PDB file of N, CA and C in Angstrom:
ATOM      1  N   MET A   1      -2.273 -42.110  11.417  1.00  0.00           N
ATOM      2  CA  MET A   1      -2.901 -43.246  11.882  1.00  0.00           C
ATOM      3  C   MET A   1      -4.374 -42.967  12.072  1.00  0.00           C
ATOM      4  N   VAL A   2      -5.319 -43.824  11.662  1.00  0.00           N
ATOM      5  CA  VAL A   2      -6.775 -43.622  11.551  1.00  0.00           C
ATOM      6  C   VAL A   2      -7.166 -43.792  13.128  1.00  0.00           C
ATOM      7  N   PRO A   3      -7.885 -42.803  13.681  1.00  0.00           N
ATOM      8  CA  PRO A   3      -8.321 -42.889  15.011  1.00  0.00           C
ATOM      9  C   PRO A   3      -9.169 -44.225  15.227  1.00  0.00           C
ATOM     10  N   ARG A   4      -9.139 -44.698  16.473  1.00  0.00           N
ATOM     11  CA  ARG A   4      -9.813 -46.019  16.889  1.00  0.00           C
ATOM     12  C   ARG A   4     -11.284 -45.690  16.657  1.00  0.00           C
ATOM     13  N   LYS A   5     -11.684 -44.508  16.930  1.00  0.00           N
ATOM     14  CA  LYS A   5     -13.198 -44.079  16.954  1.00  0.00           C
ATOM     15  C   LYS A   5     -13.753 -44.333  15.554  1.00  0.00           C
ATOM     16  N   PHE A   6     -12.819 -44.217  14.534  1.00  0.00           N
ATOM     17  CA  PHE A   6     -13.350 -44.456  13.099  1.00  0.00           C
ATOM     18  C   PHE A   6     -13.112 -46.014  12.675  1.00  0.00           C
ATOM     19  N   MET A   7     -12.271 -46.751  13.345  1.00  0.00           N
ATOM     20  CA  MET A   7     -11.877 -48.111  12.766  1.00  0.00           C
ATOM     21  C   MET A   7     -12.978 -49.011  12.735  1.00  0.00           C
ATOM     22  N   GLY A   8     -13.758 -49.021  13.805  1.00  0.00           N
ATOM     23  CA  GLY A   8     -14.896 -49.948  13.819  1.00  0.00           C
ATOM     24  C   GLY A   8     -15.777 -49.921  12.535  1.00  0.00           C
ATOM     25  N   GLU A   9     -16.068 -48.830  12.094  1.00  0.00           N
ATOM     26  CA  GLU A   9     -16.909 -48.570  10.770  1.00  0.00           C
ATOM     27  C   GLU A   9     -16.144 -48.939   9.509  1.00  0.00           C
ATOM     28  N   VAL A  10     -14.884 -48.643   9.622  1.00  0.00           N
ATOM     29  CA  VAL A  10     -13.975 -48.882   8.503  1.00  0.00           C
ATOM     30  C   VAL A  10     -13.952 -50.511   8.278  1.00  0.00           C
ATOM     31  N   LEU A  11     -13.669 -51.177   9.365  1.00  0.00           N
ATOM     32  CA  LEU A  11     -13.698 -52.615   9.360  1.00  0.00           C
ATOM     33  C   LEU A  11     -14.914 -53.218   8.950  1.00  0.00           C
ATOM     34  N   LYS A  12     -16.053 -52.421   9.006  1.00  0.00           N
ATOM     35  CA  LYS A  12     -17.353 -52.917   8.611  1.00  0.00           C
ATOM     36  C   LYS A  12     -17.494 -52.740   7.115  1.00  0.00           C
ATOM     37  N   GLY A  13     -16.567 -51.869   6.397  1.00  0.00           N
ATOM     38  CA  GLY A  13     -16.577 -51.571   5.186  1.00  0.00           C
ATOM     39  C   GLY A  13     -17.127 -50.250   4.662  1.00  0.00           C
ATOM     40  N   VAL A  14     -17.358 -49.360   5.641  1.00  0.00           N
ATOM     41  CA  VAL A  14     -17.815 -48.108   5.405  1.00  0.00           C
ATOM     42  C   VAL A  14     -16.583 -47.378   4.850  1.00  0.00           C
ATOM     43  N   GLU A  15     -16.601 -46.439   4.006  1.00  0.00           N
ATOM     44  CA  GLU A  15     -15.644 -45.570   3.488  1.00  0.00           C
ATOM     45  C   GLU A  15     -15.015 -44.641   4.621  1.00  0.00           C
ATOM     46  N   LEU A  16     -13.856 -44.397   4.617  1.00  0.00           N
ATOM     47  CA  LEU A  16     -13.329 -43.411   5.642  1.00  0.00           C
ATOM     48  C   LEU A  16     -13.848 -42.084   5.488  1.00  0.00           C
ATOM     49  N   ASN A  17     -13.932 -41.667   4.067  1.00  0.00           N
ATOM     50  CA  ASN A  17     -14.502 -40.317   3.781  1.00  0.00           C
ATOM     51  C   ASN A  17     -15.878 -40.048   4.298  1.00  0.00           C
ATOM     52  N   GLU A  18     -16.692 -41.122   4.207  1.00  0.00           N
ATOM     53  CA  GLU A  18     -18.132 -41.116   4.765  1.00  0.00           C
ATOM     54  C   GLU A  18     -18.162 -40.947   6.236  1.00  0.00           C
ATOM     55  N   ILE A  19     -17.185 -41.614   7.045  1.00  0.00           N
ATOM     56  CA  ILE A  19     -17.171 -41.539   8.357  1.00  0.00           C
ATOM     57  C   ILE A  19     -16.640 -40.203   8.859  1.00  0.00           C
ATOM     58  N   VAL A  20     -15.624 -39.655   8.292  1.00  0.00           N
ATOM     59  CA  VAL A  20     -14.957 -38.471   8.716  1.00  0.00           C
ATOM     60  C   VAL A  20     -15.777 -37.371   8.230  1.00  0.00           C
ATOM     61  N   SER A  21     -16.413 -37.346   7.068  1.00  0.00           N
ATOM     62  CA  SER A  21     -17.422 -36.249   6.723  1.00  0.00           C
ATOM     63  C   SER A  21     -18.548 -36.206   7.817  1.00  0.00           C
ATOM     64  N   LYS A  22     -18.990 -37.313   8.305  1.00  0.00           N
ATOM     65  CA  LYS A  22     -20.259 -37.275   9.196  1.00  0.00           C
ATOM     66  C   LYS A  22     -19.794 -36.767  10.460  1.00  0.00           C
ATOM     67  N   TYR A  23     -18.590 -37.219  10.933  1.00  0.00           N
ATOM     68  CA  TYR A  23     -18.091 -36.821  12.285  1.00  0.00           C
ATOM     69  C   TYR A  23     -17.850 -35.214  12.323  1.00  0.00           C
ATOM     70  N   TYR A  24     -17.187 -34.681  11.192  1.00  0.00           N
ATOM     71  CA  TYR A  24     -16.911 -33.298  11.268  1.00  0.00           C
ATOM     72  C   TYR A  24     -17.993 -32.508  10.673  1.00  0.00           C
ATOM     73  N   GLY A  25     -19.150 -33.068  10.059  1.00  0.00           N
ATOM     74  CA  GLY A  25     -20.164 -32.394   9.621  1.00  0.00           C
ATOM     75  C   GLY A  25     -19.804 -31.600   8.400  1.00  0.00           C
ATOM     76  N   GLU A  26     -19.006 -32.055   7.655  1.00  0.00           N
ATOM     77  CA  GLU A  26     -18.555 -31.532   6.209  1.00  0.00           C
ATOM     78  C   GLU A  26     -18.521 -32.489   5.083  1.00  0.00           C
ATOM     79  N   PRO A  27     -19.391 -32.380   4.155  1.00  0.00           N
ATOM     80  CA  PRO A  27     -19.422 -33.280   3.186  1.00  0.00           C
ATOM     81  C   PRO A  27     -18.222 -33.556   2.339  1.00  0.00           C
ATOM     82  N   ASN A  28     -17.765 -34.636   1.861  1.00  0.00           N
ATOM     83  CA  ASN A  28     -16.583 -34.845   1.039  1.00  0.00           C
ATOM     84  C   ASN A  28     -15.308 -34.371   1.561  1.00  0.00           C
ATOM     85  N   ILE A  29     -15.121 -34.479   2.728  1.00  0.00           N
ATOM     86  CA  ILE A  29     -13.693 -34.120   3.227  1.00  0.00           C
ATOM     87  C   ILE A  29     -12.603 -34.681   2.567  1.00  0.00           C
ATOM     88  N   GLY A  30     -12.758 -36.018   2.166  1.00  0.00           N
ATOM     89  CA  GLY A  30     -11.752 -36.724   1.506  1.00  0.00           C
ATOM     90  C   GLY A  30     -11.245 -36.031   0.157  1.00  0.00           C
ATOM     91  N   ARG A  31     -12.293 -35.397  -0.409  1.00  0.00           N
ATOM     92  CA  ARG A  31     -11.928 -34.752  -1.734  1.00  0.00           C
ATOM     93  C   ARG A  31     -11.327 -33.389  -1.537  1.00  0.00           C
ATOM     94  N   LYS A  32     -11.447 -32.826  -0.299  1.00  0.00           N
ATOM     95  CA  LYS A  32     -10.932 -31.489  -0.025  1.00  0.00           C
ATOM     96  C   LYS A  32      -9.456 -31.671   0.675  1.00  0.00           C
ATOM     97  N   TYR A  33      -9.327 -31.830   1.887  1.00  0.00           N
ATOM     98  CA  TYR A  33      -8.061 -31.945   2.499  1.00  0.00           C
ATOM     99  C   TYR A  33      -7.853 -33.129   3.346  1.00  0.00           C
ATOM    100  N   GLY A  34      -8.714 -34.175   3.210  1.00  0.00           N
ATOM    101  CA  GLY A  34      -8.481 -35.406   3.750  1.00  0.00           C
ATOM    102  C   GLY A  34      -8.548 -35.461   5.331  1.00  0.00           C
ATOM    103  N   LEU A  35      -8.419 -36.750   5.783  1.00  0.00           N
ATOM    104  CA  LEU A  35      -8.402 -36.958   7.234  1.00  0.00           C
ATOM    105  C   LEU A  35      -7.439 -36.141   7.907  1.00  0.00           C
ATOM    106  N   ILE A  36      -6.130 -36.139   7.408  1.00  0.00           N
ATOM    107  CA  ILE A  36      -5.127 -35.418   8.022  1.00  0.00           C
ATOM    108  C   ILE A  36      -5.350 -33.984   8.178  1.00  0.00           C
ATOM    109  N   GLY A  37      -5.931 -33.469   7.064  1.00  0.00           N
ATOM    110  CA  GLY A  37      -6.356 -32.090   7.219  1.00  0.00           C
ATOM    111  C   GLY A  37      -7.267 -31.846   8.428  1.00  0.00           C
ATOM    112  N   ALA A  38      -8.309 -32.718   8.483  1.00  0.00           N
ATOM    113  CA  ALA A  38      -9.213 -32.514   9.539  1.00  0.00           C
ATOM    114  C   ALA A  38      -8.537 -32.698  10.940  1.00  0.00           C
ATOM    115  N   LEU A  39      -7.825 -33.684  11.043  1.00  0.00           N
ATOM    116  CA  LEU A  39      -7.108 -34.021  12.426  1.00  0.00           C
ATOM    117  C   LEU A  39      -6.153 -32.742  12.689  1.00  0.00           C
ATOM    118  N   THR A  40      -5.520 -32.166  11.774  1.00  0.00           N
ATOM    119  CA  THR A  40      -4.669 -31.022  12.006  1.00  0.00           C
ATOM    120  C   THR A  40      -5.073 -29.572  11.933  1.00  0.00           C
ATOM    121  N   ARG A  41      -6.467 -29.589  11.634  1.00  0.00           N
ATOM    122  CA  ARG A  41      -7.220 -28.340  11.493  1.00  0.00           C
ATOM    123  C   ARG A  41      -6.620 -27.721  10.284  1.00  0.00           C
ATOM    124  N   ARG A  42      -6.253 -28.464   9.218  1.00  0.00           N
ATOM    125  CA  ARG A  42      -5.751 -27.982   7.955  1.00  0.00           C
ATOM    126  C   ARG A  42      -4.343 -27.426   8.018  1.00  0.00           C
ATOM    127  N   PHE A  43      -3.765 -27.844   9.129  1.00  0.00           N
ATOM    128  CA  PHE A  43      -2.264 -27.329   9.074  1.00  0.00           C
ATOM    129  C   PHE A  43      -1.451 -28.198   8.092  1.00  0.00           C
ATOM    130  N   ILE A  44      -1.841 -29.510   8.046  1.00  0.00           N
ATOM    131  CA  ILE A  44      -1.249 -30.339   7.037  1.00  0.00           C
ATOM    132  C   ILE A  44      -2.452 -30.857   6.152  1.00  0.00           C
ATOM    133  N   ASP A  45      -2.169 -30.947   4.901  1.00  0.00           N
ATOM    134  CA  ASP A  45      -3.160 -31.518   4.003  1.00  0.00           C
ATOM    135  C   ASP A  45      -2.682 -32.722   3.458  1.00  0.00           C
ATOM    136  N   ARG A  46      -3.614 -33.430   2.597  1.00  0.00           N
ATOM    137  CA  ARG A  46      -3.190 -34.788   2.061  1.00  0.00           C
ATOM    138  C   ARG A  46      -2.159 -34.560   1.157  1.00  0.00           C
ATOM    139  N   VAL A  47      -2.153 -33.495   0.301  1.00  0.00           N
ATOM    140  CA  VAL A  47      -1.013 -33.251  -0.820  1.00  0.00           C
ATOM    141  C   VAL A  47       0.373 -33.101  -0.063  1.00  0.00           C
ATOM    142  N   VAL A  48       0.428 -32.257   0.973  1.00  0.00           N
ATOM    143  CA  VAL A  48       1.708 -32.004   1.788  1.00  0.00           C
ATOM    144  C   VAL A  48       2.176 -33.343   2.339  1.00  0.00           C
ATOM    145  N   LEU A  49       1.304 -34.033   2.949  1.00  0.00           N
ATOM    146  CA  LEU A  49       1.601 -35.372   3.751  1.00  0.00           C
ATOM    147  C   LEU A  49       2.223 -36.344   2.713  1.00  0.00           C
ATOM    148  N   ASN A  50       1.624 -36.490   1.630  1.00  0.00           N
ATOM    149  CA  ASN A  50       1.955 -37.474   0.593  1.00  0.00           C
ATOM    150  C   ASN A  50       3.336 -37.021  -0.004  1.00  0.00           C
ATOM    151  N   THR A  51       3.628 -35.572  -0.325  1.00  0.00           N
ATOM    152  CA  THR A  51       4.728 -35.142  -0.881  1.00  0.00           C
ATOM    153  C   THR A  51       5.912 -35.515   0.040  1.00  0.00           C
ATOM    154  N   GLU A  52       5.686 -35.160   1.412  1.00  0.00           N
ATOM    155  CA  GLU A  52       6.819 -35.527   2.314  1.00  0.00           C
ATOM    156  C   GLU A  52       6.992 -36.853   2.556  1.00  0.00           C
ATOM    157  N   ALA A  53       6.096 -37.700   2.463  1.00  0.00           N
ATOM    158  CA  ALA A  53       6.294 -39.244   2.558  1.00  0.00           C
ATOM    159  C   ALA A  53       7.128 -39.700   1.366  1.00  0.00           C
ATOM    160  N   VAL A  54       6.919 -39.195   0.222  1.00  0.00           N
ATOM    161  CA  VAL A  54       7.696 -39.560  -0.989  1.00  0.00           C
ATOM    162  C   VAL A  54       9.124 -39.112  -0.793  1.00  0.00           C
ATOM    163  N   TYR A  55       9.323 -37.817  -0.314  1.00  0.00           N
ATOM    164  CA  TYR A  55      10.743 -37.419   0.078  1.00  0.00           C
ATOM    165  C   TYR A  55      11.337 -38.357   0.984  1.00  0.00           C
ATOM    166  N   MET A  56      10.766 -38.820   1.995  1.00  0.00           N
ATOM    167  CA  MET A  56      11.287 -39.570   3.059  1.00  0.00           C
ATOM    168  C   MET A  56      11.669 -41.104   2.435  1.00  0.00           C
ATOM    169  N   ALA A  57      10.802 -41.423   1.616  1.00  0.00           N
ATOM    170  CA  ALA A  57      11.068 -42.800   0.934  1.00  0.00           C
ATOM    171  C   ALA A  57      12.304 -42.762   0.073  1.00  0.00           C
ATOM    172  N   LEU A  58      12.544 -41.548  -0.529  1.00  0.00           N
ATOM    173  CA  LEU A  58      13.636 -41.375  -1.507  1.00  0.00           C
ATOM    174  C   LEU A  58      15.070 -41.277  -0.676  1.00  0.00           C
ATOM    175  N   ILE A  59      15.077 -40.931   0.591  1.00  0.00           N
ATOM    176  CA  ILE A  59      16.277 -40.745   1.262  1.00  0.00           C
ATOM    177  C   ILE A  59      17.349 -41.871   1.153  1.00  0.00           C
ATOM    178  N   PRO A  60      16.897 -43.070   1.375  1.00  0.00           N
ATOM    179  CA  PRO A  60      17.925 -44.164   1.149  1.00  0.00           C
ATOM    180  C   PRO A  60      18.355 -44.284  -0.319  1.00  0.00           C
ATOM    181  N   ARG A  61      17.653 -43.950  -1.091  1.00  0.00           N
ATOM    182  CA  ARG A  61      18.130 -43.974  -2.557  1.00  0.00           C
ATOM    183  C   ARG A  61      18.948 -42.966  -3.139  1.00  0.00           C
ATOM    184  N   MET A  62      19.161 -41.921  -2.399  1.00  0.00           N
ATOM    185  CA  MET A  62      20.047 -40.742  -2.790  1.00  0.00           C
ATOM    186  C   MET A  62      21.364 -41.215  -2.676  1.00  0.00           C
ATOM    187  N   PRO A  63      22.245 -41.014  -3.661  1.00  0.00           N
ATOM    188  CA  PRO A  63      23.592 -41.613  -3.798  1.00  0.00           C
ATOM    189  C   PRO A  63      24.488 -41.211  -2.562  1.00  0.00           C
ATOM    190  N   TRP A  64      24.378 -40.183  -2.141  1.00  0.00           N
ATOM    191  CA  TRP A  64      25.392 -39.830  -0.849  1.00  0.00           C
ATOM    192  C   TRP A  64      24.878 -40.632   0.269  1.00  0.00           C
ATOM    193  N   ASN A  65      23.523 -41.254   0.287  1.00  0.00           N
ATOM    194  CA  ASN A  65      23.192 -42.144   1.391  1.00  0.00           C
ATOM    195  C   ASN A  65      23.345 -43.552   1.270  1.00  0.00           C
ATOM    196  N   ALA A  66      23.814 -43.997   0.168  1.00  0.00           N
ATOM    197  CA  ALA A  66      23.858 -45.370  -0.275  1.00  0.00           C
ATOM    198  C   ALA A  66      24.503 -46.433   0.632  1.00  0.00           C
ATOM    199  N   GLY A  67      25.514 -45.946   1.205  1.00  0.00           N
ATOM    200  CA  GLY A  67      26.336 -46.772   2.120  1.00  0.00           C
ATOM    201  C   GLY A  67      25.724 -46.855   3.605  1.00  0.00           C
ATOM    202  N   LEU A  68      24.736 -45.933   3.867  1.00  0.00           N
ATOM    203  CA  LEU A  68      24.156 -46.154   5.130  1.00  0.00           C
ATOM    204  C   LEU A  68      22.954 -46.926   5.274  1.00  0.00           C
ATOM    205  N   PHE A  69      22.441 -47.271   4.059  1.00  0.00           N
ATOM    206  CA  PHE A  69      21.173 -48.137   4.029  1.00  0.00           C
ATOM    207  C   PHE A  69      21.322 -49.458   3.290  1.00  0.00           C
ATOM    208  N   ARG A  70      22.665 -49.965   3.149  1.00  0.00           N
ATOM    209  CA  ARG A  70      22.762 -51.306   2.526  1.00  0.00           C
ATOM    210  C   ARG A  70      22.401 -52.405   3.625  1.00  0.00           C
ATOM    211  N   ASP A  71      22.204 -53.516   3.286  1.00  0.00           N
ATOM    212  CA  ASP A  71      21.996 -54.614   4.073  1.00  0.00           C
ATOM    213  C   ASP A  71      23.258 -55.190   4.623  1.00  0.00           C
TER     214      ASP A  71
END
């Protein structure tokens, strides 16, 4: 979740990378470890977060789970 502190500027069209880089005083955070990395002090980075999100999205599609996620 993007912190409310940043959302006002995001809604005005400012890129999140620019906002976060300015807040943390580090240029191009978005190209390094991203907002999630900044928020977690690099415990979780963008690649780890996205990888885990893909794994979670695949759970309902795994054959042994098919019966659990049908409509």
